[in-house]
């Protein structure tokens, strides 16, 4: 009898932490995308159907950050069986690509070719990701989940300041190509805030996918138009490149921090391994009660070491052997921690391994929790703002410039100042290393779903959000927390304006850090939290951008 009573008490305790979410929560970078996700939930879909609708709508309304000419990662948790998996729809190098393709006669990297125009584009994976999600995880067909995106392309949406900034910044590149000029520079002038952007060709491309699935993009009319336009403007895509593209399912990176489980992205993302390394280094310290300056110093030193490993070891796991188990093991982190002086920064030159960089508003992220407890954290990209700047004639598809995420030459930084070695060199069919880090934090009391764009800063922003969560703050605080960043090279501690006061800056510099403060902010984090004891769901979008949208509501309309 006593054993029975004990068992019942244990079951009761477990069930008290298993209350399903009362409502669904979605946080994304645009209201139309958030609305599209809730529309699918109201039509009987799940979080994975919502993810397709959100991704596709962002591909229409936030092309400076993502699009069907790009790719991304969807981190999934399926409630019915507890499955955690990452859908890898990262772009791949064309079959004709080779390691020296961007080097001039003097062996120097041609940055224009690597960043601008069709030669900069990898083979897109986003549409294949949509089809995979729909077939294996969703409840609704693509001809239903793509309708909000088709409406947004066909009827248009109101142009907003962030999109205008990117058009202005890339105006000279956009002007090179007729289809890009027609969309972004009508009558020879950049779109202005308040204009309506209508994209009929993109709507037709999405309709073919809605009717035919992935084949409507990777074969047939759309594929022929993409290849013809790409090759006519100096690219190397072929019909076989498109036809041969495949989505990969990757086993997630898992680690624990302060008694909670982190589920995050594996290679070809560098985010999960780097995040595990940093948190394993920091785990023994009580950061919450620590002196502010000492905390920043220790966190920066953990960042420095994780990014050093990124430059040495990480790449596409289908092409290179990655010591994942070693890099994510607490014993390895203990060795790195032992070399940290709590009073003094270690110059990056002292760590064996291989100028300034952009702000990183590019890429997009969204987070979803549905009422069944399914989770999605997705980060999607075309790389830098408006990708390659090249729209393929007759398709409305803006191509990525993800080839810049490869190492064009060992030790030479990419657009985000990140260096790499042979593990990330260009090879046919290979996926470039990424910093995208969609992440779940799962504890007995609650679940956090978060991620952000931000180029090389993505990983450190996600970590700072996680540390804020463990400080006991709510979801609105994670997404708005002031940010700082160290990436090994350049040997600089970067910070947003007003992150540090002058006394803190002086103290950090005295410790050997080279602090550089930016006038502008970076990132665009979107997060959702589910309180497993009460079922309450909260969502929040980064206040740094004008179009973020976080909504919690029931699935019924």
Protein backbone atom coordinates (compact mmCIF):
# COMPACT_ATOMS: atom_id res chain seq x y z
CA UNK A 1 0.00 0.00 0.00
CA UNK A 2 2.79 2.43 0.90
CA UNK A 3 4.50 1.75 -2.44
CA UNK A 4 1.25 2.48 -4.27
CA UNK A 5 0.80 5.81 -2.44
CA UNK A 6 4.40 6.84 -3.23
CA UNK A 7 3.91 5.96 -6.92
CA UNK A 8 0.70 7.98 -7.11
CA UNK A 9 2.41 10.97 -5.52
CA UNK A 10 5.25 10.77 -8.04
CA UNK A 11 2.83 10.56 -10.94
CA UNK A 12 0.86 13.51 -9.56
CA UNK A 13 4.06 15.55 -9.23
CA UNK A 14 5.10 14.73 -12.79
CA UNK A 15 1.70 15.59 -14.22
CA UNK A 16 1.66 18.94 -12.43
CA UNK A 17 4.53 19.98 -14.70
CA UNK A 18 2.86 18.66 -17.86
CA UNK A 19 0.01 21.11 -18.40
CA UNK A 20 -0.30 21.80 -22.11
CA UNK A 21 0.03 25.36 -23.37
CA UNK A 22 -3.22 27.26 -22.84
CA UNK A 23 -2.75 29.15 -26.10
CA UNK A 24 -0.39 29.15 -29.07
CA UNK A 25 2.42 31.69 -29.16
CA UNK A 26 4.24 33.02 -32.20
CA UNK A 27 6.95 35.67 -32.40
CA UNK A 28 8.30 36.67 -35.81
CA UNK A 29 9.82 39.61 -37.61
CA UNK A 30 6.62 40.82 -39.34
CA UNK A 31 2.90 41.00 -38.42
CA UNK A 32 1.83 39.36 -41.70
CA UNK A 33 4.06 36.37 -40.97
CA UNK A 34 2.80 36.00 -37.40
CA UNK A 35 -0.79 36.25 -38.66
CA UNK A 36 -0.07 33.60 -41.30
CA UNK A 37 1.09 31.18 -38.61
CA UNK A 38 -2.00 31.72 -36.48
CA UNK A 39 -4.18 31.36 -39.59
CA UNK A 40 -2.80 27.85 -40.15
CA UNK A 41 -3.35 26.90 -36.50
CA UNK A 42 -6.97 28.10 -36.75
CA UNK A 43 -7.41 25.91 -39.83
CA UNK A 44 -6.42 22.79 -37.89
CA UNK A 45 -2.69 22.82 -38.54
CA UNK A 46 0.08 22.40 -36.01
CA UNK A 47 3.26 24.37 -35.23
CA UNK A 48 5.00 22.81 -38.22
CA UNK A 49 2.29 23.98 -40.63
CA UNK A 50 2.53 27.40 -39.01
CA UNK A 51 6.29 27.31 -39.61
CA UNK A 52 5.78 26.79 -43.35
CA UNK A 53 3.31 29.67 -43.56
CA UNK A 54 5.51 31.99 -41.50
CA UNK A 55 8.65 31.13 -43.46
CA UNK A 56 6.95 31.63 -46.82
CA UNK A 57 5.39 34.92 -45.79
CA UNK A 58 8.70 36.24 -44.47
CA UNK A 59 10.18 35.26 -47.85
CA UNK A 60 7.80 37.78 -49.41
CA UNK A 61 7.77 40.64 -46.90
CA UNK A 62 11.28 40.47 -45.44
CA UNK A 63 13.51 39.73 -48.43
CA UNK A 64 16.41 41.67 -46.94
CA UNK A 65 16.65 38.81 -44.45
CA UNK A 66 15.30 35.60 -45.98
CA UNK A 67 13.57 34.21 -49.04
CA UNK A 68 12.91 31.20 -51.23
CA UNK A 69 16.20 31.99 -52.96
CA UNK A 70 17.95 31.20 -49.67
CA UNK A 71 17.86 28.56 -46.96
CA UNK A 72 17.79 27.94 -43.25
CA UNK A 73 17.36 25.66 -40.27
CA UNK A 74 14.13 24.59 -38.54
CA UNK A 75 14.66 23.18 -35.05
CA UNK A 76 11.66 21.01 -34.14
CA UNK A 77 10.22 19.33 -31.06
CA UNK A 78 7.29 16.97 -31.71
CA UNK A 79 5.16 16.62 -28.59
CA UNK A 80 3.55 13.25 -29.40
CA UNK A 81 6.82 11.31 -29.22
CA UNK A 82 9.32 13.81 -27.83
CA UNK A 83 11.35 13.82 -31.04
CA UNK A 84 13.90 16.65 -31.41
CA UNK A 85 15.39 17.17 -34.87
CA UNK A 86 16.86 19.86 -37.06
CA UNK A 87 15.73 20.28 -40.64
CA UNK A 88 18.80 21.43 -42.58
CA UNK A 89 17.79 23.34 -45.69
CA UNK A 90 21.10 25.16 -45.96
CA UNK A 91 22.25 26.17 -49.43
CA UNK A 92 24.84 24.02 -51.25
CA UNK A 93 27.72 24.93 -53.55
CA UNK A 94 27.00 24.27 -57.26
CA UNK A 95 28.73 21.30 -58.88
CA UNK A 96 31.06 23.61 -60.82
CA UNK A 97 32.24 25.41 -57.67
CA UNK A 98 35.85 25.04 -56.52
CA UNK A 99 38.03 26.37 -53.71
CA UNK A 100 39.82 29.01 -55.81
CA UNK A 101 36.80 30.33 -57.71
CA UNK A 102 36.89 33.78 -56.09
CA UNK A 103 40.65 34.33 -56.24
CA UNK A 104 42.13 36.75 -58.76
CA UNK A 105 45.44 36.30 -60.61
CA UNK A 106 47.29 37.57 -57.54
CA UNK A 107 45.60 35.11 -55.21
CA UNK A 108 43.42 37.76 -53.58
CA UNK A 109 39.70 37.25 -52.87
CA UNK A 110 37.38 39.13 -55.24
CA UNK A 111 34.81 40.35 -52.72
CA UNK A 112 32.41 41.66 -55.35
CA UNK A 113 32.05 38.27 -57.05
CA UNK A 114 31.66 36.52 -53.71
CA UNK A 115 28.95 38.88 -52.45
CA UNK A 116 27.12 40.32 -55.45
CA UNK A 117 25.41 38.76 -58.44
CA UNK A 118 24.56 35.15 -59.34
CA UNK A 119 28.07 33.71 -58.90
CA UNK A 120 27.69 34.49 -55.17
CA UNK A 121 24.62 32.23 -54.85
CA UNK A 122 24.45 28.72 -53.50
CA UNK A 123 21.66 26.34 -54.51
CA UNK A 124 18.59 27.37 -52.43
CA UNK A 125 17.11 25.00 -49.87
CA UNK A 126 14.13 26.84 -48.42
CA UNK A 127 11.44 25.42 -50.74
CA UNK A 128 12.73 21.89 -50.13
CA UNK A 129 12.45 22.65 -46.41
CA UNK A 130 8.80 23.66 -46.83
CA UNK A 131 8.02 20.42 -48.63
CA UNK A 132 9.83 18.32 -46.03
CA UNK A 133 8.03 19.97 -43.14
CA UNK A 134 4.66 19.52 -44.83
CA UNK A 135 5.23 15.86 -45.72
CA UNK A 136 6.80 14.60 -42.50
CA UNK A 137 5.55 16.88 -39.70
CA UNK A 138 2.59 19.02 -40.71
CA UNK A 139 -1.10 18.26 -41.16
CA UNK A 140 -1.88 20.65 -44.01
CA UNK A 141 -0.83 20.59 -47.69
CA UNK A 142 1.40 23.25 -49.24
CA UNK A 143 -1.49 24.57 -51.33
CA UNK A 144 -3.01 25.65 -48.02
CA UNK A 145 0.02 26.78 -46.01
CA UNK A 146 1.44 28.89 -48.87
CA UNK A 147 -1.74 30.92 -49.42
CA UNK A 148 -0.84 33.78 -47.01
CA UNK A 149 2.50 34.25 -48.78
CA UNK A 150 0.85 34.17 -52.21
CA UNK A 151 -1.62 36.85 -51.06
CA UNK A 152 1.19 39.02 -49.72
CA UNK A 153 3.08 38.77 -53.03
CA UNK A 154 0.02 39.25 -55.24
CA UNK A 155 -1.77 42.00 -53.29
CA UNK A 156 1.36 43.65 -51.94
CA UNK A 157 2.41 44.94 -48.53
CA UNK A 158 3.45 48.28 -47.14
CA UNK A 159 7.15 49.02 -47.39
CA UNK A 160 8.77 49.78 -44.03
CA UNK A 161 11.97 51.61 -42.95
CA UNK A 162 14.27 48.60 -42.49
CA UNK A 163 13.58 47.32 -46.00
CA UNK A 164 14.18 50.80 -47.41
CA UNK A 165 17.53 51.04 -45.62
CA UNK A 166 18.72 47.83 -47.22
CA UNK A 167 17.52 48.88 -50.67
CA UNK A 168 19.40 52.16 -50.33
CA UNK A 169 22.53 50.39 -49.09
CA UNK A 170 22.49 47.95 -52.04
CA UNK A 171 21.16 50.34 -54.69
CA UNK A 172 24.23 50.16 -56.98
CA UNK A 173 24.14 46.34 -57.05
CA UNK A 174 20.37 46.17 -57.56
CA UNK A 175 20.68 48.59 -60.49
CA UNK A 176 22.86 46.07 -62.37
CA UNK A 177 19.98 43.64 -62.99
CA UNK A 178 16.67 44.39 -64.80
CA UNK A 179 14.41 42.24 -62.56
CA UNK A 180 15.99 43.67 -59.39
CA UNK A 181 15.57 47.22 -60.69
CA UNK A 182 11.92 46.58 -61.51
CA UNK A 183 11.13 45.44 -57.98
CA UNK A 184 13.28 47.65 -55.77
CA UNK A 185 14.02 50.68 -57.98
CA UNK A 186 10.78 51.38 -59.88
CA UNK A 187 11.20 54.30 -62.30
CA UNK A 188 14.87 54.33 -61.33
CA UNK A 189 14.29 55.35 -57.71
CA UNK A 190 14.37 53.23 -54.53
CA UNK A 191 11.10 52.26 -52.90
CA UNK A 192 10.02 54.60 -50.13
CA UNK A 193 8.37 53.96 -46.76
CA UNK A 194 4.62 53.57 -47.26
CA UNK A 195 4.85 52.35 -50.89
CA UNK A 196 3.06 49.11 -51.74
CA UNK A 197 5.38 46.37 -53.02
CA UNK A 198 3.62 43.93 -55.36
CA UNK A 199 5.55 40.89 -56.68
CA UNK A 200 3.51 39.12 -59.36
CA UNK A 201 6.34 36.87 -60.59
CA UNK A 202 7.08 35.70 -57.06
CA UNK A 203 3.38 34.96 -56.54
CA UNK A 204 3.36 32.77 -59.67
CA UNK A 205 6.48 30.93 -58.49
CA UNK A 206 4.85 30.24 -55.12
CA UNK A 207 1.67 29.06 -56.86
CA UNK A 208 3.67 26.47 -58.80
CA UNK A 209 5.13 25.20 -55.53
CA UNK A 210 1.66 25.13 -53.95
CA UNK A 211 0.39 23.00 -56.83
CA UNK A 212 3.42 20.81 -57.55
CA UNK A 213 5.41 20.74 -54.30
CA UNK A 214 9.19 21.03 -54.35
CA UNK A 215 9.27 19.84 -57.97
CA UNK A 216 7.54 23.10 -58.88
CA UNK A 217 10.76 24.88 -57.93
CA UNK A 218 13.60 22.43 -58.53
CA UNK A 219 12.40 21.15 -61.93
CA UNK A 220 10.20 22.43 -64.74
CA UNK A 221 9.42 26.04 -65.60
CA UNK A 222 10.81 27.72 -62.50
CA UNK A 223 14.07 25.74 -62.55
CA UNK A 224 14.59 26.53 -66.24
CA UNK A 225 14.09 30.25 -65.64
CA UNK A 226 16.42 30.26 -62.63
CA UNK A 227 19.24 28.51 -64.47
CA UNK A 228 18.86 30.57 -67.64
CA UNK A 229 18.99 33.86 -65.73
CA UNK A 230 21.82 32.69 -63.50
CA UNK A 231 24.07 31.59 -66.35
CA UNK A 232 23.26 34.62 -68.51
CA UNK A 233 24.64 36.85 -65.76
CA UNK A 234 27.84 35.00 -64.97
CA UNK A 235 26.60 32.24 -62.66
CA UNK A 236 27.38 28.50 -62.77
CA UNK A 237 24.07 26.89 -61.77
CA UNK A 238 22.75 23.93 -63.77
CA UNK A 239 19.42 22.12 -63.88
CA UNK A 240 21.16 19.14 -62.27
CA UNK A 241 22.24 21.32 -59.32
CA UNK A 242 18.62 22.18 -58.60
CA UNK A 243 17.29 18.69 -59.24
CA UNK A 244 19.88 17.13 -56.92
CA UNK A 245 19.25 19.40 -53.92
CA UNK A 246 18.20 17.46 -50.81
CA UNK A 247 17.12 18.38 -47.29
CA UNK A 248 19.00 16.79 -44.41
CA UNK A 249 17.65 15.79 -41.01
CA UNK A 250 20.37 16.36 -38.41
CA UNK A 251 20.66 15.04 -34.87
CA UNK A 252 20.51 18.00 -32.48
CA UNK A 253 23.22 19.21 -30.11
CA UNK A 254 22.16 18.75 -26.49
CA UNK A 255 23.81 19.99 -23.34
CA UNK A 256 22.76 20.98 -19.85
CA UNK A 257 23.15 24.25 -18.03
CA UNK A 258 22.11 24.83 -14.41
CA UNK A 259 19.99 21.66 -14.44
CA UNK A 260 18.07 22.43 -17.64
CA UNK A 261 18.47 20.88 -21.08
CA UNK A 262 19.51 22.91 -24.12
CA UNK A 263 18.52 21.58 -27.53
CA UNK A 264 20.21 23.43 -30.35
CA UNK A 265 21.66 23.31 -33.84
CA UNK A 266 24.33 20.87 -35.08
CA UNK A 267 26.75 21.45 -37.99
CA UNK A 268 26.68 22.86 -40.61
CA UNK A 269 25.64 25.42 -38.01
CA UNK A 270 28.47 26.38 -35.71
CA UNK A 271 25.92 27.72 -33.22
CA UNK A 272 25.11 24.64 -31.17
CA UNK A 273 28.69 23.53 -30.56
CA UNK A 274 29.83 27.08 -29.77
CA UNK A 275 26.86 27.62 -27.46
CA UNK A 276 27.56 24.34 -25.62
CA UNK A 277 31.25 25.24 -25.28
CA UNK A 278 30.52 28.69 -23.86
CA UNK A 279 27.89 27.52 -21.40
CA UNK A 280 30.04 24.58 -20.27
CA UNK A 281 32.89 27.01 -19.58
CA UNK A 282 30.60 29.32 -17.59
CA UNK A 283 28.62 26.64 -15.72
CA UNK A 284 30.59 26.57 -12.41
CA UNK A 285 30.32 30.32 -11.87
CA UNK A 286 27.35 32.10 -10.29
CA UNK A 287 27.00 34.80 -12.93
CA UNK A 288 23.71 36.11 -11.53
CA UNK A 289 25.25 37.44 -8.31
CA UNK A 290 28.68 38.23 -9.74
CA UNK A 291 30.16 41.72 -10.07
CA UNK A 292 29.06 43.12 -13.44
CA UNK A 293 32.52 43.78 -14.87
CA UNK A 294 33.87 40.39 -13.84
CA UNK A 295 30.82 38.69 -15.36
CA UNK A 296 31.30 40.46 -18.70
CA UNK A 297 35.00 39.58 -18.68
CA UNK A 298 34.35 35.86 -18.08
CA UNK A 299 31.57 35.69 -20.65
CA UNK A 300 33.79 37.43 -23.24
CA UNK A 301 36.63 34.98 -22.54
CA UNK A 302 34.23 32.06 -23.08
CA UNK A 303 33.10 33.64 -26.36
CA UNK A 304 36.71 34.09 -27.48
CA UNK A 305 37.52 30.40 -27.01
CA UNK A 306 34.35 29.07 -28.65
CA UNK A 307 34.86 31.22 -31.75
CA UNK A 308 38.50 30.12 -31.95
CA UNK A 309 37.29 26.51 -32.14
CA UNK A 310 34.72 27.53 -34.73
CA UNK A 311 37.45 28.79 -37.04
CA UNK A 312 39.52 25.62 -36.68
CA UNK A 313 37.17 22.65 -36.59
CA UNK A 314 33.73 23.36 -37.99
CA UNK A 315 32.25 22.85 -41.46
CA UNK A 316 29.76 20.65 -43.31
CA UNK A 317 29.68 17.31 -41.43
CA UNK A 318 29.11 15.47 -44.72
CA UNK A 319 32.56 16.65 -45.87
CA UNK A 320 34.73 17.00 -42.75
CA UNK A 321 35.18 15.07 -39.52
CA UNK A 322 34.04 17.28 -36.63
CA UNK A 323 35.05 16.37 -33.04
CA UNK A 324 31.58 17.20 -31.74
CA UNK A 325 31.71 14.98 -28.67
CA UNK A 326 35.02 16.48 -27.54
CA UNK A 327 34.03 20.10 -28.23
CA UNK A 328 30.76 19.80 -26.30
CA UNK A 329 32.12 17.78 -23.36
CA UNK A 330 32.33 19.42 -19.91
CA UNK A 331 35.89 18.10 -19.49
CA UNK A 332 37.02 19.95 -22.61
CA UNK A 333 35.37 23.11 -21.34
CA UNK A 334 37.12 22.63 -18.00
CA UNK A 335 40.46 22.73 -19.80
CA UNK A 336 39.50 25.95 -21.57
CA UNK A 337 38.24 27.43 -18.30
CA UNK A 338 41.50 26.64 -16.53
CA UNK A 339 43.33 28.99 -18.89
CA UNK A 340 41.03 31.93 -18.11
CA UNK A 341 42.53 34.54 -15.80
CA UNK A 342 39.61 36.04 -13.82
CA UNK A 343 41.43 39.38 -13.70
CA UNK A 344 42.99 39.65 -17.18
CA UNK A 345 41.99 39.10 -20.81
CA UNK A 346 44.04 36.67 -22.88
CA UNK A 347 44.94 38.15 -26.30
CA UNK A 348 43.55 36.06 -29.16
CA UNK A 349 47.05 35.82 -30.65
CA UNK A 350 47.97 33.63 -27.66
CA UNK A 351 45.36 31.06 -28.72
CA UNK A 352 46.76 28.94 -31.56
CA UNK A 353 44.60 29.09 -34.68
CA UNK A 354 44.20 30.76 -37.95
CA UNK A 355 38.94 45.19 -39.39
CA UNK A 356 35.40 45.88 -38.42
CA UNK A 357 32.32 44.06 -39.77
CA UNK A 358 28.67 44.79 -40.60
CA UNK A 359 25.85 45.25 -38.08
CA UNK A 360 24.02 42.02 -38.93
CA UNK A 361 20.33 42.92 -39.30
CA UNK A 362 20.15 40.27 -42.00
CA UNK A 363 18.69 36.78 -41.61
CA UNK A 364 15.39 36.25 -39.79
CA UNK A 365 14.13 34.15 -36.89
CA UNK A 366 10.75 33.07 -35.54
CA UNK A 367 9.57 30.97 -32.60
CA UNK A 368 6.36 28.93 -32.28
CA UNK A 369 4.61 26.95 -29.55
CA UNK A 370 1.22 25.37 -30.32
CA UNK A 371 -1.40 24.09 -27.87
CA UNK A 372 -0.16 20.50 -28.20
CA UNK A 373 3.32 21.49 -27.04
CA UNK A 374 4.98 21.24 -30.45
CA UNK A 375 7.91 23.66 -30.78
CA UNK A 376 9.65 25.35 -33.71
CA UNK A 377 12.65 27.64 -33.62
CA UNK A 378 13.62 28.63 -37.15
CA UNK A 379 16.38 30.83 -38.49
CA UNK A 380 16.38 31.58 -42.22
CA UNK A 381 18.67 33.66 -44.39
CA UNK A 382 19.89 34.96 -47.73
CA UNK A 383 23.12 35.99 -45.94
CA UNK A 384 23.80 39.74 -46.20
CA UNK A 385 21.00 42.27 -46.74
CA UNK A 386 19.05 41.46 -49.94
CA UNK A 387 21.49 38.61 -50.60
CA UNK A 388 23.27 38.80 -53.93
CA UNK A 389 21.01 41.62 -55.13
CA UNK A 390 20.11 39.48 -58.16
CA UNK A 391 16.48 38.57 -58.98
CA UNK A 392 16.19 35.87 -61.64
CA UNK A 393 14.06 37.14 -64.54
CA UNK A 394 10.50 35.86 -64.60
CA UNK A 395 10.65 34.22 -61.15
CA UNK A 396 10.68 37.01 -58.57
CA UNK A 397 13.30 34.94 -56.71
CA UNK A 398 16.08 36.96 -55.06
CA UNK A 399 19.18 34.80 -54.91
CA UNK A 400 21.31 34.42 -51.78
CA UNK A 401 25.01 35.22 -51.46
CA UNK A 402 25.78 32.33 -49.12
CA UNK A 403 28.98 31.39 -50.95
CA UNK A 404 30.57 34.11 -48.81
CA UNK A 405 29.98 31.89 -45.78
CA UNK A 406 32.62 29.52 -47.11
CA UNK A 407 36.28 30.21 -46.48
CA UNK A 408 37.45 31.55 -49.85
CA UNK A 409 41.01 31.48 -48.54
CA UNK A 410 42.26 30.23 -45.15
CA UNK A 411 42.53 33.04 -42.60
CA UNK A 412 40.76 35.62 -44.78
CA UNK A 413 37.61 36.97 -43.06
CA UNK A 414 34.16 36.92 -44.65
CA UNK A 415 31.57 39.74 -44.64
CA UNK A 416 31.10 39.28 -40.89
CA UNK A 417 34.79 39.25 -40.02
CA UNK A 418 34.80 35.49 -39.38
CA UNK A 419 37.87 33.55 -40.40
CA UNK A 420 37.93 29.92 -41.44
CA UNK A 421 40.23 27.16 -42.58
CA UNK A 422 40.17 24.07 -44.76
CA UNK A 423 37.18 22.56 -42.94
CA UNK A 424 35.01 25.26 -44.50
CA UNK A 425 36.65 25.61 -47.92
CA UNK A 426 34.49 25.57 -51.07
CA UNK A 427 33.66 22.15 -52.52
CA UNK A 428 30.88 21.04 -54.92
CA UNK A 429 27.68 20.12 -53.09
CA UNK A 430 29.01 21.32 -49.74
CA UNK A 431 27.04 23.45 -47.28
CA UNK A 432 28.76 26.56 -45.92
CA UNK A 433 29.24 26.94 -42.19
CA UNK A 434 26.54 29.01 -40.50
CA UNK A 435 26.09 30.90 -37.24
CA UNK A 436 22.30 30.40 -37.10
CA UNK A 437 21.36 29.10 -33.64
CA UNK A 438 17.65 28.38 -33.09
CA UNK A 439 17.45 26.91 -29.59
CA UNK A 440 15.14 25.33 -27.00
CA UNK A 441 15.76 25.47 -23.25
CA UNK A 442 13.74 22.75 -21.52
CA UNK A 443 13.34 22.52 -17.76
CA UNK A 444 10.92 20.93 -15.32
CA UNK A 445 9.03 24.21 -14.94
CA UNK A 446 9.12 25.68 -18.42
CA UNK A 447 10.28 25.79 -22.02
CA UNK A 448 12.01 28.67 -23.83
CA UNK A 449 12.15 28.93 -27.63
CA UNK A 450 14.47 31.60 -29.01
CA UNK A 451 16.83 32.71 -31.74
CA UNK A 452 17.87 35.77 -33.72
CA UNK A 453 19.50 37.04 -36.89
CA UNK A 454 22.76 38.93 -36.61
CA UNK A 455 25.54 37.34 -38.68
CA UNK A 456 28.52 36.37 -36.56
CA UNK A 457 26.81 37.77 -33.46
CA UNK A 458 23.90 35.30 -33.55
CA UNK A 459 25.50 32.76 -31.23
CA UNK A 460 26.49 35.27 -28.56
CA UNK A 461 23.08 36.99 -28.68
CA UNK A 462 21.33 33.66 -28.12
CA UNK A 463 23.68 32.91 -25.23
CA UNK A 464 23.04 36.32 -23.62
CA UNK A 465 19.30 35.68 -23.96
CA UNK A 466 19.72 32.29 -22.27
CA UNK A 467 21.79 33.78 -19.45
CA UNK A 468 19.06 36.40 -18.92
CA UNK A 469 16.51 33.57 -18.72
CA UNK A 470 18.60 31.90 -16.03
CA UNK A 471 18.84 35.24 -14.20
CA UNK A 472 15.07 34.86 -13.70
CA UNK A 473 13.84 37.43 -16.21
CA UNK A 474 10.86 37.00 -18.53
CA UNK A 475 10.72 36.68 -22.30
CA UNK A 476 10.43 40.43 -22.94
CA UNK A 477 13.74 40.92 -21.18
CA UNK A 478 15.59 38.24 -23.18
CA UNK A 479 14.80 39.91 -26.49
CA UNK A 480 15.58 43.46 -25.35
CA UNK A 481 18.73 42.89 -23.27
CA UNK A 482 21.72 45.09 -24.28
CA UNK A 483 24.29 43.03 -26.19
CA UNK A 484 28.03 42.53 -26.41
CA UNK A 485 30.12 40.17 -28.48
CA UNK A 486 33.61 38.68 -28.93
CA UNK A 487 34.45 36.42 -31.87
CA UNK A 488 38.19 35.65 -31.37
CA UNK A 489 39.24 37.66 -34.43
CA UNK A 490 39.30 40.61 -34.57
CA UNK A 491 40.45 40.73 -30.93
CA UNK A 492 37.76 43.23 -29.94
CA UNK A 493 34.92 43.25 -27.42
CA UNK A 494 32.02 44.82 -29.34
CA UNK A 495 29.02 46.37 -27.58
CA UNK A 496 25.80 48.12 -28.48
CA UNK A 497 25.48 51.73 -27.44
CA UNK A 498 24.54 52.06 -23.73
CA UNK A 499 25.36 48.42 -22.96
CA UNK A 500 28.29 49.50 -20.76
CA UNK A 501 28.73 52.71 -18.79
CA UNK A 502 32.08 54.49 -19.06
CA UNK A 503 33.36 53.08 -15.77
CA UNK A 504 32.73 49.54 -17.04
CA UNK A 505 34.42 50.28 -20.36
CA UNK A 506 37.46 51.66 -18.56
CA UNK A 507 37.60 48.64 -16.24
CA UNK A 508 37.35 46.17 -19.13
CA UNK A 509 40.05 47.99 -21.10
CA UNK A 510 42.28 47.92 -18.00
CA UNK A 511 41.79 44.14 -17.93
CA UNK A 512 43.15 43.92 -21.47
CA UNK A 513 39.95 44.00 -23.51
CA UNK A 514 39.70 46.26 -26.53
CA UNK A 515 36.14 47.60 -26.16
CA UNK A 516 34.44 49.08 -29.22
CA UNK A 517 30.97 50.60 -28.85
CA UNK A 518 28.59 50.86 -31.80
CA UNK A 519 26.13 53.71 -32.16
CA UNK A 520 23.58 51.29 -33.60
CA UNK A 521 21.96 48.21 -32.10
CA UNK A 522 21.98 44.76 -33.67
CA UNK A 523 19.91 41.62 -33.83
CA UNK A 524 16.17 40.94 -34.02
CA UNK A 525 15.37 38.26 -31.45
CA UNK A 526 11.95 36.57 -31.28
CA UNK A 527 11.13 34.25 -28.39
CA UNK A 528 8.29 32.32 -26.77
CA UNK A 529 8.04 30.87 -23.24
CA UNK A 530 5.70 28.17 -21.95
CA UNK A 531 5.18 27.85 -18.20
CA UNK A 532 4.65 24.11 -17.80
CA UNK A 533 3.10 24.47 -14.33
CA UNK A 534 0.33 26.87 -15.38
CA UNK A 535 0.13 26.42 -19.16
CA UNK A 536 0.64 30.16 -19.68
CA UNK A 537 2.46 31.08 -22.90
CA UNK A 538 4.22 34.42 -23.46
CA UNK A 539 5.79 35.69 -26.68
CA UNK A 540 8.03 38.68 -27.33
CA UNK A 541 9.72 40.37 -30.28
CA UNK A 542 12.85 42.47 -30.24
CA UNK A 543 12.01 46.16 -29.67
CA UNK A 544 15.02 47.15 -31.81
CA UNK A 545 13.08 46.77 -35.08
CA UNK A 546 9.83 48.33 -36.21
CA UNK A 547 8.14 45.25 -37.72
CA UNK A 548 8.47 42.58 -35.01
CA UNK A 549 5.26 40.76 -34.11
CA UNK A 550 4.61 38.55 -31.08
CA UNK A 551 1.09 37.16 -30.55
CA UNK A 552 -0.41 34.63 -28.13
CA UNK A 553 -3.93 33.44 -28.83
CA UNK A 554 -6.14 30.38 -29.03
CA UNK A 555 -6.20 28.40 -32.26
CA UNK A 556 -9.92 29.09 -32.74
CA UNK A 557 -10.97 32.11 -34.78
